[in-house]
Amino acid sequence: MPNCPRCGSSQVIKNGYIHNGKPKFACQACQRQFVENPEWRPISAETKALIDKLLLERVLLAGIGRVTGVSGQWLQDYVNAKYKAQPQVTDVPAQKNGS
């Protein structure tokens, strides 16, 4: 059994499996849940460029996720960050007073 990555405790129990079949563990000391060897892959610049092009084409997020292979949560966070970075400036022309 692996030690807890948060507190280092050896009081760890098996706690089911994640979506791809890897075992999930839970620490009884600090209640942290974790996977022993998580697979983290950074998203390449080419994939981000493809996502940007697909967003401009107004492709649904589910479709973008299927095409690029990124998770739905990562994609939603990426889109939210992109929209937040855009300036929220609107030019509303002043209307004339009709007399």
PDB file of N, CA and C in Angstrom:
ATOM      1  N   MET A   1       0.842  -1.185   0.000  1.00  0.00           N
ATOM      2  CA  MET A   1       0.000   0.000   0.000  1.00  0.00           C
ATOM      3  C   MET A   1       0.891   1.254   0.000  1.00  0.00           C
ATOM      4  N   PRO A   2       0.522   2.235  -0.795  1.00  0.00           N
ATOM      5  CA  PRO A   2       1.318   3.475  -0.831  1.00  0.00           C
ATOM      6  C   PRO A   2       1.051   4.335   0.400  1.00  0.00           C
ATOM      7  N   ASN A   3       1.983   5.221   0.690  1.00  0.00           N
ATOM      8  CA  ASN A   3       1.787   6.191   1.763  1.00  0.00           C
ATOM      9  C   ASN A   3       0.999   7.383   1.233  1.00  0.00           C
ATOM     10  N   CYS A   4       0.334   8.092   2.126  1.00  0.00           N
ATOM     11  CA  CYS A   4      -0.471   9.258   1.752  1.00  0.00           C
ATOM     12  C   CYS A   4       0.444  10.375   1.245  1.00  0.00           C
ATOM     13  N   PRO A   5       0.136  10.977   0.086  1.00  0.00           N
ATOM     14  CA  PRO A   5       0.975  12.069  -0.425  1.00  0.00           C
ATOM     15  C   PRO A   5       0.839  13.353   0.385  1.00  0.00           C
ATOM     16  N   ARG A   6      -0.253  13.529   1.135  1.00  0.00           N
ATOM     17  CA  ARG A   6      -0.448  14.743   1.916  1.00  0.00           C
ATOM     18  C   ARG A   6       0.256  14.666   3.267  1.00  0.00           C
ATOM     19  N   CYS A   7      -0.050  13.629   4.038  1.00  0.00           N
ATOM     20  CA  CYS A   7       0.477  13.580   5.405  1.00  0.00           C
ATOM     21  C   CYS A   7       1.555  12.513   5.606  1.00  0.00           C
ATOM     22  N   GLY A   8       1.762  11.642   4.616  1.00  0.00           N
ATOM     23  CA  GLY A   8       2.786  10.612   4.720  1.00  0.00           C
ATOM     24  C   GLY A   8       2.387   9.416   5.568  1.00  0.00           C
ATOM     25  N   SER A   9       1.156   9.355   5.984  1.00  0.00           N
ATOM     26  CA  SER A   9       0.688   8.267   6.836  1.00  0.00           C
ATOM     27  C   SER A   9       0.623   6.953   6.065  1.00  0.00           C
ATOM     28  N   SER A  10       0.818   5.859   6.785  1.00  0.00           N
ATOM     29  CA  SER A  10       0.691   4.541   6.163  1.00  0.00           C
ATOM     30  C   SER A  10      -0.686   3.929   6.441  1.00  0.00           C
ATOM     31  N   GLN A  11      -1.585   4.692   7.069  1.00  0.00           N
ATOM     32  CA  GLN A  11      -2.947   4.230   7.346  1.00  0.00           C
ATOM     33  C   GLN A  11      -3.816   4.479   6.107  1.00  0.00           C
ATOM     34  N   VAL A  12      -3.556   3.707   5.074  1.00  0.00           N
ATOM     35  CA  VAL A  12      -4.218   3.883   3.784  1.00  0.00           C
ATOM     36  C   VAL A  12      -5.017   2.629   3.463  1.00  0.00           C
ATOM     37  N   ILE A  13      -6.231   2.825   2.946  1.00  0.00           N
ATOM     38  CA  ILE A  13      -7.071   1.702   2.550  1.00  0.00           C
ATOM     39  C   ILE A  13      -7.460   1.864   1.083  1.00  0.00           C
ATOM     40  N   LYS A  14      -7.795   0.756   0.436  1.00  0.00           N
ATOM     41  CA  LYS A  14      -8.311   0.828  -0.923  1.00  0.00           C
ATOM     42  C   LYS A  14      -9.707   1.426  -0.885  1.00  0.00           C
ATOM     43  N   ASN A  15      -9.998   2.249  -1.901  1.00  0.00           N
ATOM     44  CA  ASN A  15     -11.268   2.962  -1.902  1.00  0.00           C
ATOM     45  C   ASN A  15     -11.891   2.941  -3.296  1.00  0.00           C
ATOM     46  N   GLY A  16     -11.931   1.780  -3.919  1.00  0.00           N
ATOM     47  CA  GLY A  16     -12.566   1.658  -5.225  1.00  0.00           C
ATOM     48  C   GLY A  16     -11.593   1.879  -6.364  1.00  0.00           C
ATOM     49  N   TYR A  17     -12.163   2.246  -7.531  1.00  0.00           N
ATOM     50  CA  TYR A  17     -11.387   2.426  -8.747  1.00  0.00           C
ATOM     51  C   TYR A  17     -11.832   3.691  -9.449  1.00  0.00           C
ATOM     52  N   ILE A  18     -10.923   4.304 -10.223  1.00  0.00           N
ATOM     53  CA  ILE A  18     -11.297   5.468 -11.015  1.00  0.00           C
ATOM     54  C   ILE A  18     -11.786   4.996 -12.382  1.00  0.00           C
ATOM     55  N   HIS A  19     -12.132   5.928 -13.271  1.00  0.00           N
ATOM     56  CA  HIS A  19     -12.774   5.614 -14.544  1.00  0.00           C
ATOM     57  C   HIS A  19     -11.976   4.689 -15.453  1.00  0.00           C
ATOM     58  N   ASN A  20     -10.656   4.683 -15.349  1.00  0.00           N
ATOM     59  CA  ASN A  20      -9.871   3.827 -16.240  1.00  0.00           C
ATOM     60  C   ASN A  20      -9.410   2.536 -15.560  1.00  0.00           C
ATOM     61  N   GLY A  21      -9.926   2.231 -14.382  1.00  0.00           N
ATOM     62  CA  GLY A  21      -9.644   0.973 -13.716  1.00  0.00           C
ATOM     63  C   GLY A  21      -8.504   0.996 -12.720  1.00  0.00           C
ATOM     64  N   LYS A  22      -7.826   2.143 -12.574  1.00  0.00           N
ATOM     65  CA  LYS A  22      -6.737   2.214 -11.598  1.00  0.00           C
ATOM     66  C   LYS A  22      -7.328   2.260 -10.187  1.00  0.00           C
ATOM     67  N   PRO A  23      -6.663   1.611  -9.215  1.00  0.00           N
ATOM     68  CA  PRO A  23      -7.190   1.624  -7.853  1.00  0.00           C
ATOM     69  C   PRO A  23      -7.060   3.004  -7.207  1.00  0.00           C
ATOM     70  N   LYS A  24      -8.062   3.340  -6.421  1.00  0.00           N
ATOM     71  CA  LYS A  24      -8.103   4.602  -5.689  1.00  0.00           C
ATOM     72  C   LYS A  24      -7.891   4.280  -4.215  1.00  0.00           C
ATOM     73  N   PHE A  25      -7.176   5.128  -3.500  1.00  0.00           N
ATOM     74  CA  PHE A  25      -6.883   4.917  -2.086  1.00  0.00           C
ATOM     75  C   PHE A  25      -7.405   6.076  -1.263  1.00  0.00           C
ATOM     76  N   ALA A  26      -7.630   5.817   0.036  1.00  0.00           N
ATOM     77  CA  ALA A  26      -8.072   6.850   0.964  1.00  0.00           C
ATOM     78  C   ALA A  26      -7.223   6.765   2.229  1.00  0.00           C
ATOM     79  N   CYS A  27      -6.772   7.923   2.696  1.00  0.00           N
ATOM     80  CA  CYS A  27      -5.982   7.983   3.927  1.00  0.00           C
ATOM     81  C   CYS A  27      -6.951   8.087   5.107  1.00  0.00           C
ATOM     82  N   GLN A  28      -6.768   7.231   6.099  1.00  0.00           N
ATOM     83  CA  GLN A  28      -7.644   7.270   7.265  1.00  0.00           C
ATOM     84  C   GLN A  28      -7.238   8.372   8.237  1.00  0.00           C
ATOM     85  N   ALA A  29      -6.023   8.886   8.112  1.00  0.00           N
ATOM     86  CA  ALA A  29      -5.558   9.938   9.018  1.00  0.00           C
ATOM     87  C   ALA A  29      -6.075  11.318   8.596  1.00  0.00           C
ATOM     88  N   CYS A  30      -5.942  11.650   7.292  1.00  0.00           N
ATOM     89  CA  CYS A  30      -6.324  13.005   6.842  1.00  0.00           C
ATOM     90  C   CYS A  30      -7.494  13.006   5.862  1.00  0.00           C
ATOM     91  N   GLN A  31      -8.060  11.851   5.548  1.00  0.00           N
ATOM     92  CA  GLN A  31      -9.224  11.699   4.659  1.00  0.00           C
ATOM     93  C   GLN A  31      -8.928  12.020   3.198  1.00  0.00           C
ATOM     94  N   ARG A  32      -7.664  12.141   2.808  1.00  0.00           N
ATOM     95  CA  ARG A  32      -7.306  12.430   1.421  1.00  0.00           C
ATOM     96  C   ARG A  32      -7.539  11.196   0.557  1.00  0.00           C
ATOM     97  N   GLN A  33      -8.114  11.405  -0.642  1.00  0.00           N
ATOM     98  CA  GLN A  33      -8.261  10.332  -1.619  1.00  0.00           C
ATOM     99  C   GLN A  33      -7.247  10.578  -2.731  1.00  0.00           C
ATOM    100  N   PHE A  34      -6.630   9.494  -3.233  1.00  0.00           N
ATOM    101  CA  PHE A  34      -5.606   9.661  -4.250  1.00  0.00           C
ATOM    102  C   PHE A  34      -5.440   8.385  -5.059  1.00  0.00           C
ATOM    103  N   VAL A  35      -4.766   8.541  -6.202  1.00  0.00           N
ATOM    104  CA  VAL A  35      -4.378   7.426  -7.061  1.00  0.00           C
ATOM    105  C   VAL A  35      -2.863   7.312  -6.934  1.00  0.00           C
ATOM    106  N   GLU A  36      -2.358   6.084  -6.929  1.00  0.00           N
ATOM    107  CA  GLU A  36      -0.936   5.881  -6.648  1.00  0.00           C
ATOM    108  C   GLU A  36      -0.013   6.535  -7.669  1.00  0.00           C
ATOM    109  N   ASN A  37      -0.183   6.271  -8.925  1.00  0.00           N
ATOM    110  CA  ASN A  37       0.662   6.861  -9.971  1.00  0.00           C
ATOM    111  C   ASN A  37      -0.219   7.601 -10.967  1.00  0.00           C
ATOM    112  N   PRO A  38      -0.602   8.843 -10.679  1.00  0.00           N
ATOM    113  CA  PRO A  38      -1.493   9.547 -11.603  1.00  0.00           C
ATOM    114  C   PRO A  38      -0.774   9.863 -12.910  1.00  0.00           C
ATOM    115  N   GLU A  39      -1.525   9.831 -13.995  1.00  0.00           N
ATOM    116  CA  GLU A  39      -0.970  10.146 -15.308  1.00  0.00           C
ATOM    117  C   GLU A  39      -1.393  11.558 -15.677  1.00  0.00           C
ATOM    118  N   TRP A  40      -0.464  12.483 -15.594  1.00  0.00           N
ATOM    119  CA  TRP A  40      -0.736  13.870 -15.933  1.00  0.00           C
ATOM    120  C   TRP A  40      -0.017  14.190 -17.224  1.00  0.00           C
ATOM    121  N   ARG A  41      -0.757  14.659 -18.218  1.00  0.00           N
ATOM    122  CA  ARG A  41      -0.177  15.019 -19.501  1.00  0.00           C
ATOM    123  C   ARG A  41      -0.460  16.493 -19.764  1.00  0.00           C
ATOM    124  N   PRO A  42       0.578  17.279 -20.014  1.00  0.00           N
ATOM    125  CA  PRO A  42       0.325  18.677 -20.367  1.00  0.00           C
ATOM    126  C   PRO A  42      -0.307  18.764 -21.756  1.00  0.00           C
ATOM    127  N   ILE A  43      -1.140  19.756 -21.960  1.00  0.00           N
ATOM    128  CA  ILE A  43      -1.800  19.964 -23.249  1.00  0.00           C
ATOM    129  C   ILE A  43      -0.843  20.755 -24.141  1.00  0.00           C
ATOM    130  N   SER A  44      -0.561  20.248 -25.319  1.00  0.00           N
ATOM    131  CA  SER A  44       0.415  20.886 -26.208  1.00  0.00           C
ATOM    132  C   SER A  44      -0.139  22.189 -26.788  1.00  0.00           C
ATOM    133  N   ALA A  45       0.786  23.015 -27.281  1.00  0.00           N
ATOM    134  CA  ALA A  45       0.398  24.285 -27.906  1.00  0.00           C
ATOM    135  C   ALA A  45      -0.397  24.037 -29.181  1.00  0.00           C
ATOM    136  N   GLU A  46      -0.079  22.951 -29.899  1.00  0.00           N
ATOM    137  CA  GLU A  46      -0.809  22.631 -31.128  1.00  0.00           C
ATOM    138  C   GLU A  46      -2.262  22.281 -30.811  1.00  0.00           C
ATOM    139  N   THR A  47      -2.473  21.535 -29.727  1.00  0.00           N
ATOM    140  CA  THR A  47      -3.835  21.175 -29.335  1.00  0.00           C
ATOM    141  C   THR A  47      -4.616  22.411 -28.914  1.00  0.00           C
ATOM    142  N   LYS A  48      -3.962  23.317 -28.186  1.00  0.00           N
ATOM    143  CA  LYS A  48      -4.631  24.553 -27.776  1.00  0.00           C
ATOM    144  C   LYS A  48      -4.988  25.405 -28.997  1.00  0.00           C
ATOM    145  N   ALA A  49      -4.102  25.436 -29.994  1.00  0.00           N
ATOM    146  CA  ALA A  49      -4.396  26.186 -31.219  1.00  0.00           C
ATOM    147  C   ALA A  49      -5.582  25.573 -31.956  1.00  0.00           C
ATOM    148  N   LEU A  50      -5.646  24.247 -31.997  1.00  0.00           N
ATOM    149  CA  LEU A  50      -6.782  23.571 -32.629  1.00  0.00           C
ATOM    150  C   LEU A  50      -8.077  23.874 -31.876  1.00  0.00           C
ATOM    151  N   ILE A  51      -8.010  23.869 -30.556  1.00  0.00           N
ATOM    152  CA  ILE A  51      -9.189  24.186 -29.745  1.00  0.00           C
ATOM    153  C   ILE A  51      -9.654  25.606 -30.032  1.00  0.00           C
ATOM    154  N   ASP A  52      -8.709  26.542 -30.139  1.00  0.00           N
ATOM    155  CA  ASP A  52      -9.074  27.932 -30.437  1.00  0.00           C
ATOM    156  C   ASP A  52      -9.776  28.033 -31.796  1.00  0.00           C
ATOM    157  N   LYS A  53      -9.274  27.313 -32.798  1.00  0.00           N
ATOM    158  CA  LYS A  53      -9.905  27.334 -34.125  1.00  0.00           C
ATOM    159  C   LYS A  53     -11.314  26.740 -34.075  1.00  0.00           C
ATOM    160  N   LEU A  54     -11.456  25.634 -33.340  1.00  0.00           N
ATOM    161  CA  LEU A  54     -12.776  25.006 -33.243  1.00  0.00           C
ATOM    162  C   LEU A  54     -13.757  25.888 -32.472  1.00  0.00           C
ATOM    163  N   LEU A  55     -13.266  26.623 -31.485  1.00  0.00           N
ATOM    164  CA  LEU A  55     -14.143  27.556 -30.761  1.00  0.00           C
ATOM    165  C   LEU A  55     -14.621  28.669 -31.684  1.00  0.00           C
ATOM    166  N   LEU A  56     -13.732  29.150 -32.558  1.00  0.00           N
ATOM    167  CA  LEU A  56     -14.135  30.191 -33.511  1.00  0.00           C
ATOM    168  C   LEU A  56     -15.162  29.669 -34.503  1.00  0.00           C
ATOM    169  N   GLU A  57     -15.129  28.386 -34.792  1.00  0.00           N
ATOM    170  CA  GLU A  57     -16.109  27.776 -35.692  1.00  0.00           C
ATOM    171  C   GLU A  57     -17.404  27.415 -34.970  1.00  0.00           C
ATOM    172  N   ARG A  58     -17.464  27.705 -33.681  1.00  0.00           N
ATOM    173  CA  ARG A  58     -18.638  27.471 -32.839  1.00  0.00           C
ATOM    174  C   ARG A  58     -19.006  25.990 -32.746  1.00  0.00           C
ATOM    175  N   VAL A  59     -17.985  25.140 -32.656  1.00  0.00           N
ATOM    176  CA  VAL A  59     -18.194  23.712 -32.451  1.00  0.00           C
ATOM    177  C   VAL A  59     -18.525  23.505 -30.975  1.00  0.00           C
ATOM    178  N   LEU A  60     -19.431  22.599 -30.682  1.00  0.00           N
ATOM    179  CA  LEU A  60     -19.814  22.337 -29.292  1.00  0.00           C
ATOM    180  C   LEU A  60     -18.623  21.831 -28.483  1.00  0.00           C
ATOM    181  N   LEU A  61     -18.615  22.141 -27.191  1.00  0.00           N
ATOM    182  CA  LEU A  61     -17.511  21.718 -26.334  1.00  0.00           C
ATOM    183  C   LEU A  61     -17.374  20.200 -26.291  1.00  0.00           C
ATOM    184  N   ALA A  62     -18.487  19.493 -26.309  1.00  0.00           N
ATOM    185  CA  ALA A  62     -18.416  18.028 -26.299  1.00  0.00           C
ATOM    186  C   ALA A  62     -17.710  17.522 -27.553  1.00  0.00           C
ATOM    187  N   GLY A  63     -17.976  18.125 -28.684  1.00  0.00           N
ATOM    188  CA  GLY A  63     -17.318  17.742 -29.923  1.00  0.00           C
ATOM    189  C   GLY A  63     -15.837  18.063 -29.902  1.00  0.00           C
ATOM    190  N   ILE A  64     -15.483  19.230 -29.347  1.00  0.00           N
ATOM    191  CA  ILE A  64     -14.074  19.601 -29.239  1.00  0.00           C
ATOM    192  C   ILE A  64     -13.345  18.607 -28.338  1.00  0.00           C
ATOM    193  N   GLY A  65     -13.978  18.218 -27.255  1.00  0.00           N
ATOM    194  CA  GLY A  65     -13.370  17.250 -26.351  1.00  0.00           C
ATOM    195  C   GLY A  65     -13.143  15.905 -27.020  1.00  0.00           C
ATOM    196  N   ARG A  66     -14.101  15.460 -27.826  1.00  0.00           N
ATOM    197  CA  ARG A  66     -13.940  14.183 -28.530  1.00  0.00           C
ATOM    198  C   ARG A  66     -12.821  14.258 -29.556  1.00  0.00           C
ATOM    199  N   VAL A  67     -12.742  15.358 -30.290  1.00  0.00           N
ATOM    200  CA  VAL A  67     -11.737  15.486 -31.346  1.00  0.00           C
ATOM    201  C   VAL A  67     -10.330  15.601 -30.762  1.00  0.00           C
ATOM    202  N   THR A  68     -10.173  16.395 -29.718  1.00  0.00           N
ATOM    203  CA  THR A  68      -8.837  16.669 -29.188  1.00  0.00           C
ATOM    204  C   THR A  68      -8.402  15.699 -28.101  1.00  0.00           C
ATOM    205  N   GLY A  69      -9.339  15.016 -27.464  1.00  0.00           N
ATOM    206  CA  GLY A  69      -8.986  14.063 -26.414  1.00  0.00           C
ATOM    207  C   GLY A  69      -8.730  14.691 -25.056  1.00  0.00           C
ATOM    208  N   VAL A  70      -9.129  15.954 -24.865  1.00  0.00           N
ATOM    209  CA  VAL A  70      -8.960  16.595 -23.559  1.00  0.00           C
ATOM    210  C   VAL A  70     -10.211  16.351 -22.720  1.00  0.00           C
ATOM    211  N   SER A  71     -10.073  16.471 -21.418  1.00  0.00           N
ATOM    212  CA  SER A  71     -11.217  16.236 -20.541  1.00  0.00           C
ATOM    213  C   SER A  71     -12.195  17.403 -20.620  1.00  0.00           C
ATOM    214  N   GLY A  72     -13.428  17.120 -20.311  1.00  0.00           N
ATOM    215  CA  GLY A  72     -14.456  18.157 -20.336  1.00  0.00           C
ATOM    216  C   GLY A  72     -14.201  19.249 -19.314  1.00  0.00           C
ATOM    217  N   GLN A  73     -13.732  18.872 -18.133  1.00  0.00           N
ATOM    218  CA  GLN A  73     -13.463  19.873 -17.084  1.00  0.00           C
ATOM    219  C   GLN A  73     -12.303  20.778 -17.487  1.00  0.00           C
ATOM    220  N   TRP A  74     -11.235  20.197 -18.052  1.00  0.00           N
ATOM    221  CA  TRP A  74     -10.109  21.027 -18.490  1.00  0.00           C
ATOM    222  C   TRP A  74     -10.559  21.987 -19.574  1.00  0.00           C
ATOM    223  N   LEU A  75     -11.355  21.487 -20.515  1.00  0.00           N
ATOM    224  CA  LEU A  75     -11.820  22.309 -21.628  1.00  0.00           C
ATOM    225  C   LEU A  75     -12.687  23.460 -21.134  1.00  0.00           C
ATOM    226  N   GLN A  76     -13.576  23.189 -20.193  1.00  0.00           N
ATOM    227  CA  GLN A  76     -14.429  24.250 -19.661  1.00  0.00           C
ATOM    228  C   GLN A  76     -13.599  25.301 -18.923  1.00  0.00           C
ATOM    229  N   ASP A  77     -12.617  24.872 -18.152  1.00  0.00           N
ATOM    230  CA  ASP A  77     -11.737  25.817 -17.454  1.00  0.00           C
ATOM    231  C   ASP A  77     -10.938  26.653 -18.454  1.00  0.00           C
ATOM    232  N   TYR A  78     -10.476  26.031 -19.540  1.00  0.00           N
ATOM    233  CA  TYR A  78      -9.715  26.734 -20.577  1.00  0.00           C
ATOM    234  C   TYR A  78     -10.578  27.796 -21.245  1.00  0.00           C
ATOM    235  N   VAL A  79     -11.792  27.437 -21.605  1.00  0.00           N
ATOM    236  CA  VAL A  79     -12.698  28.383 -22.256  1.00  0.00           C
ATOM    237  C   VAL A  79     -13.045  29.526 -21.311  1.00  0.00           C
ATOM    238  N   ASN A  80     -13.314  29.218 -20.050  1.00  0.00           N
ATOM    239  CA  ASN A  80     -13.621  30.272 -19.076  1.00  0.00           C
ATOM    240  C   ASN A  80     -12.459  31.238 -18.926  1.00  0.00           C
ATOM    241  N   ALA A  81     -11.228  30.721 -18.902  1.00  0.00           N
ATOM    242  CA  ALA A  81     -10.049  31.588 -18.788  1.00  0.00           C
ATOM    243  C   ALA A  81      -9.892  32.451 -20.036  1.00  0.00           C
ATOM    244  N   LYS A  82     -10.178  31.877 -21.229  1.00  0.00           N
ATOM    245  CA  LYS A  82     -10.084  32.646 -22.463  1.00  0.00           C
ATOM    246  C   LYS A  82     -11.087  33.805 -22.472  1.00  0.00           C
ATOM    247  N   TYR A  83     -12.317  33.523 -22.072  1.00  0.00           N
ATOM    248  CA  TYR A  83     -13.333  34.571 -22.052  1.00  0.00           C
ATOM    249  C   TYR A  83     -13.045  35.622 -20.991  1.00  0.00           C
ATOM    250  N   LYS A  84     -12.502  35.202 -19.866  1.00  0.00           N
ATOM    251  CA  LYS A  84     -12.177  36.146 -18.797  1.00  0.00           C
ATOM    252  C   LYS A  84     -11.046  37.083 -19.222  1.00  0.00           C
ATOM    253  N   ALA A  85     -10.135  36.583 -20.061  1.00  0.00           N
ATOM    254  CA  ALA A  85      -9.009  37.392 -20.520  1.00  0.00           C
ATOM    255  C   ALA A  85      -9.420  38.428 -21.566  1.00  0.00           C
ATOM    256  N   GLN A  86     -10.574  38.230 -22.195  1.00  0.00           N
ATOM    257  CA  GLN A  86     -11.041  39.171 -23.215  1.00  0.00           C
ATOM    258  C   GLN A  86     -11.544  40.453 -22.551  1.00  0.00           C
ATOM    259  N   PRO A  87     -11.214  41.625 -23.114  1.00  0.00           N
ATOM    260  CA  PRO A  87     -11.719  42.869 -22.539  1.00  0.00           C
ATOM    261  C   PRO A  87     -13.232  42.968 -22.707  1.00  0.00           C
ATOM    262  N   GLN A  88     -13.893  43.405 -21.698  1.00  0.00           N
ATOM    263  CA  GLN A  88     -15.353  43.527 -21.707  1.00  0.00           C
ATOM    264  C   GLN A  88     -15.755  44.964 -22.039  1.00  0.00           C
ATOM    265  N   VAL A  89     -15.338  45.430 -23.205  1.00  0.00           N
ATOM    266  CA  VAL A  89     -15.611  46.797 -23.630  1.00  0.00           C
ATOM    267  C   VAL A  89     -16.708  46.762 -24.681  1.00  0.00           C
ATOM    268  N   THR A  90     -17.707  47.569 -24.473  1.00  0.00           N
ATOM    269  CA  THR A  90     -18.763  47.696 -25.472  1.00  0.00           C
ATOM    270  C   THR A  90     -18.902  49.167 -25.832  1.00  0.00           C
ATOM    271  N   ASP A  91     -19.022  49.432 -27.101  1.00  0.00           N
ATOM    272  CA  ASP A  91     -19.214  50.806 -27.573  1.00  0.00           C
ATOM    273  C   ASP A  91     -20.682  51.004 -27.881  1.00  0.00           C
ATOM    274  N   VAL A  92     -21.362  51.700 -27.005  1.00  0.00           N
ATOM    275  CA  VAL A  92     -22.770  52.003 -27.213  1.00  0.00           C
ATOM    276  C   VAL A  92     -22.858  53.470 -27.616  1.00  0.00           C
ATOM    277  N   PRO A  93     -23.361  53.740 -28.812  1.00  0.00           N
ATOM    278  CA  PRO A  93     -23.458  55.136 -29.243  1.00  0.00           C
ATOM    279  C   PRO A  93     -24.477  55.903 -28.422  1.00  0.00           C
ATOM    280  N   ALA A  94     -24.160  57.141 -28.136  1.00  0.00           N
ATOM    281  CA  ALA A  94     -25.088  57.992 -27.378  1.00  0.00           C
ATOM    282  C   ALA A  94     -26.289  58.327 -28.264  1.00  0.00           C
ATOM    283  N   GLN A  95     -27.470  58.226 -27.698  1.00  0.00           N
ATOM    284  CA  GLN A  95     -28.670  58.529 -28.480  1.00  0.00           C
ATOM    285  C   GLN A  95     -29.000  59.999 -28.353  1.00  0.00           C
ATOM    286  N   LYS A  96     -29.530  60.530 -29.451  1.00  0.00           N
ATOM    287  CA  LYS A  96     -29.930  61.932 -29.465  1.00  0.00           C
ATOM    288  C   LYS A  96     -31.252  62.082 -28.743  1.00  0.00           C
ATOM    289  N   ASN A  97     -31.398  63.170 -28.060  1.00  0.00           N
ATOM    290  CA  ASN A  97     -32.678  63.473 -27.416  1.00  0.00           C
ATOM    291  C   ASN A  97     -33.635  63.980 -28.479  1.00  0.00           C
ATOM    292  N   GLY A  98     -34.722  63.301 -28.684  1.00  0.00           N
ATOM    293  CA  GLY A  98     -35.709  63.710 -29.678  1.00  0.00           C
ATOM    294  C   GLY A  98     -36.637  64.781 -29.088  1.00  0.00           C
ATOM    295  N   SER A  99     -36.577  65.984 -29.637  1.00  0.00           N
ATOM    296  CA  SER A  99     -37.444  67.029 -29.109  1.00  0.00           C
ATOM    297  C   SER A  99     -38.502  67.461 -30.080  1.00  0.00           C
TER     298      SER A  99
END
